Amino acid sequence: MKKTEAIMWSIALPGFAQMLSKNYLKGVLFIFLEFLINVQANFNEIIMLSFLGETQAAIERADFQWLLFYPCLYFFAMWDAYKDAGGGKGDYSFLPLVFAAFFVTVGTMYSPKVMIFGVLLGPVWLPILSVIPGLLTGYIIRKTILTVQAA
């Protein structure tokens, strides 16, 4: 499986790329954990309400104790699929996805309160927007570490 294909299937659902790579145990484990967290957090309902613009209802339906597990599972499954497809061989190449998971988790925690331009983004949109600064921070920290080590 190609690295891009692995990432794309992992974005679709954690565990799919592992199943395609014939890593059935990991695939089933990721799919089970995604399903468990999704159901316990009411995540599909939160997504639907968010897309319909019913942000306050999405916040009220969210079980944040469960929802906070989702970013780490999601990004770890992506990293695992990417690594199994031959990516991530460079030193500290995991850092962008680790920081993305961290930033999305923090975005999830603050999602009931943070407003951008007067708009409450809620438990779907604020975490999604947190991916980019997380990836960039991880990339910058990785480059900094590699630069310092090379000096």
N, C-alpha and C. Protein backbone atom coordinates (compact mmCIF):
# COMPACT_ATOMS: atom_id res chain seq x y z
N MET A 1 0.84 -1.17 0.00
CA MET A 1 0.00 0.00 0.00
C MET A 1 0.90 1.24 0.00
N LYS A 2 0.51 2.24 -0.74
CA LYS A 2 1.27 3.48 -0.79
C LYS A 2 0.98 4.33 0.44
N LYS A 3 1.93 5.20 0.78
CA LYS A 3 1.80 6.04 1.97
C LYS A 3 0.57 6.93 1.91
N THR A 4 0.32 7.54 0.76
CA THR A 4 -0.84 8.42 0.62
C THR A 4 -2.14 7.64 0.78
N GLU A 5 -2.19 6.46 0.19
CA GLU A 5 -3.38 5.62 0.32
C GLU A 5 -3.61 5.24 1.79
N ALA A 6 -2.55 4.91 2.50
CA ALA A 6 -2.68 4.54 3.91
C ALA A 6 -3.25 5.70 4.73
N ILE A 7 -2.72 6.91 4.50
CA ILE A 7 -3.23 8.08 5.23
C ILE A 7 -4.70 8.31 4.89
N MET A 8 -5.05 8.23 3.62
CA MET A 8 -6.44 8.50 3.20
C MET A 8 -7.42 7.49 3.81
N TRP A 9 -7.07 6.20 3.82
CA TRP A 9 -7.97 5.22 4.43
C TRP A 9 -8.06 5.43 5.94
N SER A 10 -6.97 5.86 6.56
CA SER A 10 -7.01 6.13 8.00
C SER A 10 -7.86 7.35 8.31
N ILE A 11 -7.85 8.33 7.40
CA ILE A 11 -8.73 9.49 7.59
C ILE A 11 -10.19 9.04 7.49
N ALA A 12 -10.47 8.14 6.57
CA ALA A 12 -11.84 7.64 6.41
C ALA A 12 -12.31 6.95 7.69
N LEU A 13 -11.49 6.05 8.22
CA LEU A 13 -11.83 5.36 9.46
C LEU A 13 -10.56 4.70 10.00
N PRO A 14 -10.20 5.02 11.24
CA PRO A 14 -9.04 4.36 11.83
C PRO A 14 -9.21 2.84 11.79
N GLY A 15 -8.18 2.17 11.28
CA GLY A 15 -8.20 0.72 11.18
C GLY A 15 -8.35 0.21 9.76
N PHE A 16 -8.93 1.01 8.86
CA PHE A 16 -9.11 0.55 7.48
C PHE A 16 -7.77 0.28 6.81
N ALA A 17 -6.82 1.18 6.95
CA ALA A 17 -5.51 0.98 6.31
C ALA A 17 -4.82 -0.26 6.87
N GLN A 18 -4.95 -0.50 8.16
CA GLN A 18 -4.34 -1.68 8.77
C GLN A 18 -4.98 -2.95 8.20
N MET A 19 -6.28 -2.93 7.99
CA MET A 19 -6.96 -4.10 7.40
C MET A 19 -6.46 -4.34 5.97
N LEU A 20 -6.32 -3.26 5.19
CA LEU A 20 -5.83 -3.40 3.82
C LEU A 20 -4.39 -3.90 3.78
N SER A 21 -3.61 -3.58 4.81
CA SER A 21 -2.22 -4.04 4.90
C SER A 21 -2.12 -5.44 5.50
N LYS A 22 -3.26 -6.05 5.75
CA LYS A 22 -3.33 -7.39 6.34
C LYS A 22 -2.84 -7.43 7.78
N ASN A 23 -2.85 -6.28 8.45
CA ASN A 23 -2.57 -6.22 9.88
C ASN A 23 -3.93 -6.29 10.60
N TYR A 24 -4.54 -7.46 10.54
CA TYR A 24 -5.92 -7.61 10.95
C TYR A 24 -6.14 -7.34 12.43
N LEU A 25 -5.23 -7.77 13.28
CA LEU A 25 -5.40 -7.55 14.71
C LEU A 25 -5.42 -6.05 15.02
N LYS A 26 -4.43 -5.33 14.50
CA LYS A 26 -4.41 -3.88 14.71
C LYS A 26 -5.64 -3.22 14.08
N GLY A 27 -6.00 -3.65 12.88
CA GLY A 27 -7.15 -3.07 12.20
C GLY A 27 -8.43 -3.23 13.00
N VAL A 28 -8.68 -4.45 13.47
CA VAL A 28 -9.88 -4.70 14.26
C VAL A 28 -9.84 -3.91 15.57
N LEU A 29 -8.68 -3.84 16.20
CA LEU A 29 -8.56 -3.08 17.44
C LEU A 29 -8.86 -1.59 17.21
N PHE A 30 -8.28 -0.99 16.17
CA PHE A 30 -8.55 0.42 15.88
C PHE A 30 -10.02 0.66 15.54
N ILE A 31 -10.61 -0.22 14.75
CA ILE A 31 -12.03 -0.06 14.39
C ILE A 31 -12.91 -0.20 15.63
N PHE A 32 -12.60 -1.18 16.47
CA PHE A 32 -13.36 -1.36 17.71
C PHE A 32 -13.26 -0.13 18.60
N LEU A 33 -12.03 0.36 18.80
CA LEU A 33 -11.85 1.54 19.66
C LEU A 33 -12.54 2.77 19.08
N GLU A 34 -12.45 2.93 17.74
CA GLU A 34 -13.12 4.07 17.11
C GLU A 34 -14.62 3.97 17.33
N PHE A 35 -15.18 2.78 17.13
CA PHE A 35 -16.62 2.57 17.32
C PHE A 35 -17.01 2.84 18.78
N LEU A 36 -16.25 2.31 19.72
CA LEU A 36 -16.54 2.49 21.14
C LEU A 36 -16.54 3.97 21.52
N ILE A 37 -15.48 4.67 21.15
CA ILE A 37 -15.37 6.09 21.49
C ILE A 37 -16.45 6.89 20.77
N ASN A 38 -16.67 6.59 19.50
CA ASN A 38 -17.68 7.29 18.71
C ASN A 38 -19.06 7.18 19.37
N VAL A 39 -19.45 5.97 19.74
CA VAL A 39 -20.77 5.75 20.34
C VAL A 39 -20.85 6.41 21.72
N GLN A 40 -19.83 6.21 22.55
CA GLN A 40 -19.87 6.76 23.90
C GLN A 40 -19.85 8.29 23.92
N ALA A 41 -19.16 8.89 22.95
CA ALA A 41 -19.06 10.36 22.89
C ALA A 41 -20.23 10.99 22.13
N ASN A 42 -21.08 10.16 21.50
CA ASN A 42 -22.17 10.65 20.64
C ASN A 42 -21.61 11.40 19.44
N PHE A 43 -20.48 10.95 18.94
CA PHE A 43 -19.73 11.72 17.95
C PHE A 43 -20.47 11.88 16.63
N ASN A 44 -21.13 10.85 16.13
CA ASN A 44 -21.85 11.00 14.87
C ASN A 44 -22.96 12.03 14.99
N GLU A 45 -23.66 12.04 16.11
CA GLU A 45 -24.70 13.04 16.32
C GLU A 45 -24.09 14.44 16.43
N ILE A 46 -22.95 14.55 17.10
CA ILE A 46 -22.26 15.83 17.22
C ILE A 46 -21.86 16.34 15.84
N ILE A 47 -21.35 15.46 15.00
CA ILE A 47 -20.95 15.84 13.64
C ILE A 47 -22.17 16.33 12.87
N MET A 48 -23.25 15.57 12.94
CA MET A 48 -24.47 15.94 12.21
C MET A 48 -24.99 17.30 12.68
N LEU A 49 -25.09 17.50 13.98
CA LEU A 49 -25.58 18.78 14.52
C LEU A 49 -24.66 19.93 14.12
N SER A 50 -23.35 19.68 14.13
CA SER A 50 -22.39 20.73 13.76
C SER A 50 -22.55 21.12 12.30
N PHE A 51 -22.70 20.14 11.43
CA PHE A 51 -22.89 20.44 10.01
C PHE A 51 -24.19 21.18 9.76
N LEU A 52 -25.18 20.95 10.60
CA LEU A 52 -26.46 21.63 10.46
C LEU A 52 -26.47 23.01 11.13
N GLY A 53 -25.34 23.39 11.73
CA GLY A 53 -25.23 24.70 12.37
C GLY A 53 -25.82 24.76 13.76
N GLU A 54 -26.12 23.62 14.35
CA GLU A 54 -26.70 23.57 15.69
C GLU A 54 -25.59 23.30 16.71
N THR A 55 -24.70 24.27 16.84
CA THR A 55 -23.49 24.10 17.64
C THR A 55 -23.79 23.89 19.11
N GLN A 56 -24.70 24.67 19.66
CA GLN A 56 -25.01 24.53 21.09
C GLN A 56 -25.59 23.15 21.38
N ALA A 57 -26.44 22.65 20.51
CA ALA A 57 -26.98 21.29 20.68
C ALA A 57 -25.87 20.25 20.60
N ALA A 58 -24.90 20.47 19.69
CA ALA A 58 -23.76 19.55 19.57
C ALA A 58 -22.96 19.53 20.87
N ILE A 59 -22.73 20.70 21.44
CA ILE A 59 -21.98 20.79 22.71
C ILE A 59 -22.73 20.05 23.81
N GLU A 60 -24.04 20.24 23.87
CA GLU A 60 -24.84 19.61 24.92
C GLU A 60 -24.87 18.09 24.78
N ARG A 61 -24.81 17.56 23.57
CA ARG A 61 -24.85 16.11 23.33
C ARG A 61 -23.48 15.45 23.51
N ALA A 62 -22.42 16.24 23.45
CA ALA A 62 -21.07 15.67 23.51
C ALA A 62 -20.77 15.13 24.90
N ASP A 63 -20.20 13.94 24.94
CA ASP A 63 -19.65 13.41 26.18
C ASP A 63 -18.14 13.62 26.07
N PHE A 64 -17.69 14.74 26.62
CA PHE A 64 -16.30 15.15 26.45
C PHE A 64 -15.32 14.18 27.12
N GLN A 65 -15.75 13.45 28.15
CA GLN A 65 -14.87 12.47 28.77
C GLN A 65 -14.47 11.39 27.78
N TRP A 66 -15.35 11.05 26.86
CA TRP A 66 -15.03 10.08 25.81
C TRP A 66 -14.44 10.75 24.58
N LEU A 67 -14.98 11.91 24.23
CA LEU A 67 -14.56 12.59 23.00
C LEU A 67 -13.07 12.94 23.03
N LEU A 68 -12.52 13.19 24.21
CA LEU A 68 -11.10 13.56 24.31
C LEU A 68 -10.16 12.41 23.94
N PHE A 69 -10.65 11.17 23.92
CA PHE A 69 -9.83 10.04 23.48
C PHE A 69 -9.66 10.00 21.96
N TYR A 70 -10.62 10.59 21.25
CA TYR A 70 -10.68 10.41 19.80
C TYR A 70 -9.46 10.96 19.06
N PRO A 71 -8.99 12.19 19.34
CA PRO A 71 -7.86 12.71 18.55
C PRO A 71 -6.61 11.83 18.62
N CYS A 72 -6.28 11.34 19.78
CA CYS A 72 -5.07 10.51 19.90
C CYS A 72 -5.22 9.19 19.16
N LEU A 73 -6.37 8.56 19.27
CA LEU A 73 -6.62 7.33 18.53
C LEU A 73 -6.54 7.59 17.03
N TYR A 74 -7.18 8.65 16.59
CA TYR A 74 -7.27 8.99 15.17
C TYR A 74 -5.88 9.24 14.58
N PHE A 75 -5.09 10.09 15.23
CA PHE A 75 -3.77 10.41 14.68
C PHE A 75 -2.77 9.27 14.87
N PHE A 76 -2.91 8.49 15.94
CA PHE A 76 -2.02 7.35 16.09
C PHE A 76 -2.30 6.31 15.01
N ALA A 77 -3.56 6.06 14.70
CA ALA A 77 -3.90 5.11 13.65
C ALA A 77 -3.36 5.59 12.30
N MET A 78 -3.42 6.91 12.04
CA MET A 78 -2.86 7.45 10.81
C MET A 78 -1.35 7.24 10.77
N TRP A 79 -0.68 7.55 11.88
CA TRP A 79 0.77 7.38 11.95
C TRP A 79 1.14 5.91 11.74
N ASP A 80 0.43 5.03 12.40
CA ASP A 80 0.72 3.61 12.28
C ASP A 80 0.56 3.13 10.84
N ALA A 81 -0.48 3.56 10.18
CA ALA A 81 -0.72 3.17 8.78
C ALA A 81 0.38 3.73 7.87
N TYR A 82 0.73 4.97 8.09
CA TYR A 82 1.78 5.62 7.29
C TYR A 82 3.11 4.91 7.47
N LYS A 83 3.44 4.59 8.72
CA LYS A 83 4.69 3.90 9.04
C LYS A 83 4.72 2.50 8.41
N ASP A 84 3.60 1.79 8.53
CA ASP A 84 3.53 0.44 7.94
C ASP A 84 3.63 0.47 6.41
N ALA A 85 3.26 1.60 5.80
CA ALA A 85 3.34 1.73 4.34
C ALA A 85 4.72 2.22 3.89
N GLY A 86 5.66 2.33 4.83
CA GLY A 86 7.03 2.70 4.48
C GLY A 86 7.40 4.13 4.75
N GLY A 87 6.50 4.90 5.32
CA GLY A 87 6.80 6.29 5.64
C GLY A 87 7.38 6.43 7.03
N GLY A 88 7.70 7.66 7.37
CA GLY A 88 8.14 7.96 8.73
C GLY A 88 9.47 7.39 9.12
N LYS A 89 10.38 7.28 8.18
CA LYS A 89 11.69 6.70 8.50
C LYS A 89 12.68 7.74 9.06
N GLY A 90 12.41 9.01 8.83
CA GLY A 90 13.31 10.05 9.31
C GLY A 90 13.20 10.24 10.81
N ASP A 91 14.26 10.75 11.41
CA ASP A 91 14.25 11.03 12.85
C ASP A 91 13.14 12.02 13.19
N TYR A 92 12.41 11.71 14.23
CA TYR A 92 11.35 12.57 14.76
C TYR A 92 10.23 12.84 13.76
N SER A 93 10.07 11.99 12.78
CA SER A 93 9.04 12.22 11.77
C SER A 93 7.63 12.07 12.33
N PHE A 94 7.52 11.52 13.51
CA PHE A 94 6.22 11.36 14.16
C PHE A 94 5.71 12.66 14.78
N LEU A 95 6.60 13.64 14.98
CA LEU A 95 6.22 14.83 15.73
C LEU A 95 5.05 15.63 15.14
N PRO A 96 4.95 15.83 13.83
CA PRO A 96 3.77 16.57 13.34
C PRO A 96 2.44 15.93 13.72
N LEU A 97 2.34 14.60 13.63
CA LEU A 97 1.08 13.96 13.99
C LEU A 97 0.85 13.94 15.51
N VAL A 98 1.92 13.84 16.28
CA VAL A 98 1.78 13.91 17.74
C VAL A 98 1.25 15.28 18.14
N PHE A 99 1.83 16.33 17.57
CA PHE A 99 1.37 17.68 17.92
C PHE A 99 -0.02 17.96 17.36
N ALA A 100 -0.36 17.39 16.21
CA ALA A 100 -1.73 17.53 15.70
C ALA A 100 -2.71 16.91 16.69
N ALA A 101 -2.40 15.71 17.19
CA ALA A 101 -3.27 15.06 18.17
C ALA A 101 -3.41 15.92 19.42
N PHE A 102 -2.29 16.49 19.88
CA PHE A 102 -2.32 17.34 21.08
C PHE A 102 -3.17 18.58 20.84
N PHE A 103 -2.94 19.28 19.73
CA PHE A 103 -3.69 20.51 19.45
C PHE A 103 -5.18 20.23 19.26
N VAL A 104 -5.52 19.12 18.61
CA VAL A 104 -6.93 18.78 18.42
C VAL A 104 -7.57 18.43 19.77
N THR A 105 -6.83 17.76 20.64
CA THR A 105 -7.35 17.46 21.98
C THR A 105 -7.61 18.75 22.75
N VAL A 106 -6.66 19.68 22.71
CA VAL A 106 -6.85 20.97 23.38
C VAL A 106 -8.01 21.74 22.74
N GLY A 107 -8.09 21.70 21.40
CA GLY A 107 -9.21 22.34 20.71
C GLY A 107 -10.54 21.75 21.14
N THR A 108 -10.57 20.46 21.35
CA THR A 108 -11.80 19.80 21.82
C THR A 108 -12.17 20.29 23.21
N MET A 109 -11.17 20.40 24.09
CA MET A 109 -11.44 20.86 25.46
C MET A 109 -12.02 22.28 25.48
N TYR A 110 -11.48 23.14 24.64
CA TYR A 110 -11.91 24.55 24.64
C TYR A 110 -13.10 24.80 23.72
N SER A 111 -13.53 23.81 22.96
CA SER A 111 -14.57 24.02 21.95
C SER A 111 -15.91 24.53 22.49
N PRO A 112 -16.30 24.24 23.74
CA PRO A 112 -17.57 24.80 24.21
C PRO A 112 -17.51 26.30 24.52
N LYS A 113 -16.30 26.87 24.56
CA LYS A 113 -16.15 28.26 25.01
C LYS A 113 -15.52 29.21 24.00
N VAL A 114 -14.66 28.71 23.13
CA VAL A 114 -13.90 29.57 22.24
C VAL A 114 -14.76 30.03 21.06
N MET A 115 -14.74 31.34 20.86
CA MET A 115 -15.44 31.93 19.72
C MET A 115 -14.39 32.59 18.82
N ILE A 116 -14.56 32.43 17.51
CA ILE A 116 -13.69 33.07 16.54
C ILE A 116 -14.58 33.98 15.69
N PHE A 117 -14.24 35.26 15.70
CA PHE A 117 -15.04 36.27 15.01
C PHE A 117 -16.51 36.20 15.45
N GLY A 118 -16.70 35.97 16.75
CA GLY A 118 -18.05 35.93 17.31
C GLY A 118 -18.83 34.66 17.03
N VAL A 119 -18.17 33.65 16.48
CA VAL A 119 -18.85 32.40 16.15
C VAL A 119 -18.33 31.29 17.05
N LEU A 120 -19.25 30.62 17.72
CA LEU A 120 -18.91 29.45 18.53
C LEU A 120 -18.78 28.26 17.59
N LEU A 121 -17.56 27.74 17.46
CA LEU A 121 -17.31 26.67 16.48
C LEU A 121 -17.67 25.28 16.99
N GLY A 122 -17.59 25.05 18.27
CA GLY A 122 -18.04 23.79 18.85
C GLY A 122 -17.08 22.63 18.70
N PRO A 123 -17.56 21.42 19.08
CA PRO A 123 -16.69 20.25 19.21
C PRO A 123 -16.29 19.56 17.90
N VAL A 124 -16.67 20.10 16.76
CA VAL A 124 -16.20 19.55 15.49
C VAL A 124 -15.29 20.55 14.79
N TRP A 125 -15.76 21.77 14.61
CA TRP A 125 -15.02 22.74 13.79
C TRP A 125 -13.76 23.27 14.46
N LEU A 126 -13.79 23.58 15.76
CA LEU A 126 -12.57 24.06 16.41
C LEU A 126 -11.48 22.99 16.42
N PRO A 127 -11.79 21.75 16.77
CA PRO A 127 -10.75 20.72 16.68
C PRO A 127 -10.20 20.54 15.26
N ILE A 128 -11.07 20.60 14.25
CA ILE A 128 -10.59 20.47 12.87
C ILE A 128 -9.62 21.61 12.54
N LEU A 129 -9.98 22.82 12.95
CA LEU A 129 -9.10 23.96 12.70
C LEU A 129 -7.79 23.85 13.46
N SER A 130 -7.77 23.07 14.52
CA SER A 130 -6.57 22.90 15.34
C SER A 130 -5.55 21.96 14.70
N VAL A 131 -5.95 21.23 13.67
CA VAL A 131 -5.03 20.30 13.01
C VAL A 131 -3.85 21.06 12.39
N ILE A 132 -4.14 22.13 11.68
CA ILE A 132 -3.09 22.84 10.94
C ILE A 132 -2.02 23.42 11.87
N PRO A 133 -2.39 24.19 12.91
CA PRO A 133 -1.32 24.65 13.80
C PRO A 133 -0.59 23.52 14.51
N GLY A 134 -1.27 22.41 14.75
CA GLY A 134 -0.61 21.25 15.37
C GLY A 134 0.43 20.65 14.45
N LEU A 135 0.06 20.43 13.18
CA LEU A 135 1.02 19.89 12.21
C LEU A 135 2.21 20.84 12.03
N LEU A 136 1.91 22.13 11.90
CA LEU A 136 2.99 23.12 11.71
C LEU A 136 3.93 23.17 12.90
N THR A 137 3.37 23.15 14.11
CA THR A 137 4.19 23.17 15.33
C THR A 137 5.08 21.93 15.38
N GLY A 138 4.50 20.77 15.11
CA GLY A 138 5.30 19.53 15.10
C GLY A 138 6.39 19.57 14.07
N TYR A 139 6.09 20.11 12.90
CA TYR A 139 7.09 20.22 11.83
C TYR A 139 8.21 21.16 12.24
N ILE A 140 7.86 22.32 12.81
CA ILE A 140 8.87 23.30 13.24
C ILE A 140 9.74 22.72 14.35
N ILE A 141 9.13 22.05 15.31
CA ILE A 141 9.91 21.46 16.41
C ILE A 141 10.82 20.37 15.87
N ARG A 142 10.33 19.56 14.95
CA ARG A 142 11.17 18.52 14.34
C ARG A 142 12.36 19.14 13.63
N LYS A 143 12.11 20.15 12.80
CA LYS A 143 13.20 20.81 12.07
C LYS A 143 14.19 21.45 13.02
N THR A 144 13.69 22.03 14.10
CA THR A 144 14.57 22.66 15.10
C THR A 144 15.47 21.62 15.75
N ILE A 145 14.89 20.51 16.17
CA ILE A 145 15.68 19.45 16.80
C ILE A 145 16.74 18.93 15.84
N LEU A 146 16.34 18.67 14.60
CA LEU A 146 17.30 18.15 13.61
C LEU A 146 18.41 19.16 13.32
N THR A 147 18.07 20.45 13.28
CA THR A 147 19.06 21.49 13.05
C THR A 147 20.05 21.57 14.22
N VAL A 148 19.54 21.53 15.44
CA VAL A 148 20.39 21.59 16.62
C VAL A 148 21.29 20.36 16.70
N GLN A 149 20.76 19.22 16.37
CA GLN A 149 21.56 17.99 16.40
C GLN A 149 22.65 18.00 15.34
N ALA A 150 22.37 18.62 14.20
CA ALA A 150 23.36 18.65 13.11
C ALA A 150 24.47 19.66 13.38
N ALA A 151 24.22 20.60 14.28
CA ALA A 151 25.22 21.66 14.54
C ALA A 151 26.36 21.15 15.39
